[in-house]
Protein backbone atom coordinates (compact mmCIF):
# COMPACT_ATOMS: atom_id res chain seq x y z
CA MET A 1 16.14 -24.21 69.60
CA LEU A 2 15.16 -27.37 67.96
CA SER A 3 17.94 -30.39 66.68
CA CYS A 4 17.47 -31.15 63.38
CA ALA A 5 16.56 -35.12 64.86
CA ALA A 6 13.95 -33.39 66.89
CA CYS A 7 12.61 -31.56 63.78
CA ARG A 8 12.52 -34.79 61.94
CA ALA A 9 10.66 -36.13 64.41
CA ARG A 10 8.03 -33.62 64.68
CA GLN A 11 7.49 -33.97 60.90
CA HIS A 12 7.51 -37.65 61.39
CA ARG A 13 4.66 -37.17 63.87
CA GLY A 14 2.63 -35.03 61.69
CA ARG A 15 2.77 -36.97 58.91
CA LEU A 16 1.59 -40.25 60.93
CA ASN A 17 -1.53 -37.99 62.30
CA LYS A 18 -2.31 -37.08 58.89
CA ASP A 19 -1.94 -41.15 57.66
CA ALA A 20 -3.91 -41.95 60.63
CA PHE A 21 -6.89 -39.42 59.88
CA VAL A 22 -6.82 -40.22 56.21
CA LYS A 23 -7.26 -44.06 57.06
CA THR A 24 -9.86 -43.03 59.66
CA ILE A 25 -12.06 -41.56 57.17
CA LEU A 26 -11.31 -44.08 54.50
CA LEU A 27 -12.44 -46.75 57.05
CA VAL A 28 -15.84 -44.69 57.89
CA LEU A 29 -16.30 -44.11 54.34
CA ALA A 30 -16.25 -48.06 53.66
CA VAL A 31 -18.31 -48.77 56.49
CA ALA A 32 -21.52 -46.40 55.66
CA GLY A 33 -21.16 -47.84 52.07
CA VAL A 34 -21.56 -51.63 53.55
CA ALA A 35 -24.44 -50.27 55.84
CA SER A 36 -25.90 -48.94 52.62
CA ASP A 37 -25.72 -52.04 50.87
CA ALA A 38 -26.80 -54.09 53.68
CA TYR A 39 -30.09 -51.93 53.72
CA ALA A 40 -30.23 -52.27 50.01
CA GLN A 41 -30.31 -56.19 50.77
CA ASP A 42 -33.05 -56.10 53.65
CA ALA A 43 -35.40 -54.24 51.94
CA ALA A 44 -34.78 -56.61 48.37
CA SER A 45 -35.35 -59.68 50.88
CA GLY A 46 -38.27 -57.18 52.22
CA GLU A 47 -40.20 -56.95 49.13
CA LYS A 48 -40.20 -60.84 48.88
CA VAL A 49 -41.65 -60.55 52.56
CA PHE A 50 -44.26 -58.65 51.26
CA ALA A 51 -45.58 -60.66 48.96
CA GLN A 52 -47.53 -62.36 51.60
CA CYS A 53 -49.11 -58.54 52.48
CA ARG A 54 -49.95 -57.84 48.80
CA ALA A 55 -53.10 -59.86 48.81
CA CYS A 56 -54.71 -57.04 50.98
CA HIS A 57 -52.32 -54.21 51.12
CA GLN A 58 -51.00 -51.84 48.52
CA VAL A 59 -47.77 -49.51 48.00
CA GLY A 60 -46.21 -47.37 45.66
CA PRO A 61 -47.44 -44.03 43.63
CA ASN A 62 -50.56 -45.80 42.43
CA ALA A 63 -51.54 -47.68 45.63
CA LYS A 64 -55.12 -47.85 46.84
CA ASN A 65 -57.19 -49.15 49.67
CA ALA A 66 -57.91 -52.60 49.14
CA VAL A 67 -58.98 -55.39 51.90
CA GLY A 68 -56.08 -53.57 54.23
CA PRO A 69 -55.16 -49.99 54.02
CA VAL A 70 -52.04 -48.72 52.23
CA LEU A 71 -49.06 -49.15 53.49
CA ASN A 72 -47.39 -45.78 51.82
CA GLY A 73 -45.97 -43.38 54.36
CA LEU A 74 -46.43 -45.81 57.27
CA MET A 75 -43.81 -44.79 59.94
CA GLY A 76 -44.72 -42.05 62.31
CA ARG A 77 -48.51 -42.21 61.19
CA LYS A 78 -51.11 -42.42 63.98
CA ALA A 79 -52.96 -46.13 63.32
CA GLY A 80 -56.35 -46.09 62.02
CA THR A 81 -55.94 -42.81 60.41
CA TYR A 82 -55.13 -43.57 56.63
CA GLU A 83 -57.86 -41.79 54.88
CA GLY A 84 -60.41 -43.81 52.72
CA TYR A 85 -60.05 -47.05 55.27
CA THR A 86 -62.62 -48.52 57.24
CA TYR A 87 -60.76 -49.40 59.96
CA SER A 88 -61.60 -51.46 62.98
CA GLN A 89 -62.87 -49.42 66.07
CA ALA A 90 -59.79 -51.62 67.89
CA MET A 91 -57.73 -49.87 65.54
CA LYS A 92 -58.65 -46.34 65.98
CA ASP A 93 -58.47 -46.60 69.72
CA SER A 94 -55.22 -48.55 69.68
CA GLY A 95 -53.15 -45.31 70.24
CA ILE A 96 -50.59 -46.81 68.09
CA THR A 97 -48.12 -44.40 66.14
CA TRP A 98 -46.04 -46.57 63.86
CA THR A 99 -42.49 -47.01 64.86
CA ASP A 100 -39.81 -49.75 64.07
CA ASP A 101 -40.71 -51.07 67.36
CA SER A 102 -44.66 -50.92 67.41
CA PHE A 103 -44.76 -52.51 63.84
CA SER A 104 -42.54 -55.27 64.62
CA THR A 105 -44.50 -56.61 67.47
CA TYR A 106 -47.99 -55.83 65.61
CA ILE A 107 -47.07 -57.58 62.25
CA MET A 108 -45.63 -60.68 64.52
CA ASN A 109 -48.89 -61.38 66.23
CA PRO A 110 -51.56 -58.70 65.15
CA ARG A 111 -54.70 -60.15 67.32
CA SER A 112 -52.47 -60.00 70.23
CA LYS A 113 -51.03 -56.76 69.97
CA VAL A 114 -54.66 -55.08 68.66
CA PRO A 115 -57.63 -57.44 69.96
CA GLY A 116 -60.44 -56.73 67.61
CA THR A 117 -58.16 -55.86 64.57
CA LYS A 118 -59.85 -56.65 61.17
CA MET A 119 -56.35 -58.03 60.22
CA ALA A 120 -56.96 -61.73 59.76
CA PHE A 121 -53.32 -62.56 58.84
CA ALA A 122 -51.30 -64.58 61.71
CA GLY A 123 -48.38 -62.82 61.42
CA VAL A 124 -44.71 -62.87 60.20
CA LYS A 125 -42.98 -64.74 63.08
CA ASP A 126 -39.14 -64.51 61.87
CA PRO A 127 -37.54 -61.42 63.38
CA GLY A 128 -35.10 -61.23 60.41
CA LYS A 129 -38.07 -61.18 57.85
CA VAL A 130 -39.59 -58.65 60.00
CA ALA A 131 -36.75 -56.53 60.09
CA ASP A 132 -36.70 -56.95 56.06
CA LEU A 133 -40.28 -56.15 55.66
CA LEU A 134 -39.78 -52.92 57.62
CA ALA A 135 -36.56 -52.06 55.23
CA TYR A 136 -38.83 -52.50 52.59
CA LEU A 137 -41.84 -50.51 53.84
CA LYS A 138 -39.42 -47.48 54.70
CA ARG A 139 -38.77 -47.28 50.97
CA PHE A 140 -42.04 -45.66 50.39
CA ASP A 141 -43.04 -41.98 51.49
CA ALA A 142 -46.46 -41.24 51.87
CA ASN A 143 -46.92 -40.47 48.28
CA GLY A 144 -45.76 -43.85 47.61
CA ASN A 145 -42.47 -42.44 45.79
CA LYS A 146 -39.29 -44.79 46.32
CA VAL A 147 -36.96 -43.12 48.96
CA PRO A 148 -32.96 -43.58 48.84
């Protein structure tokens, strides 16, 4: 049988564990909220970077191919396959599937990544701006709808 002191010690440890658990959950939720805010800030900055792309590309529900293809739903898509756009043979043959890494490498120096591409843009050289642009483009699904 436990003494009263032992009972109180066990109850105290139980409260400490519960308090630690609650604090951990609150910390996780706070960090998740900060990460969400950071993503939103990156996408907002990325929209400004996209202003350079807008001369040739469109995103959004009413986007149409122009000088360059529509960029809705870009991630996971095989390069050179957006319907209705006439790609260079080099882009069609590139074997690229758009991921964070392949897009980042490409957009920093398009002609180096895909020699023979029709894209005349010299590239976005700042890795931070590339990340922001990527965050912005990821906001659009294949239909051009913004995703949270």
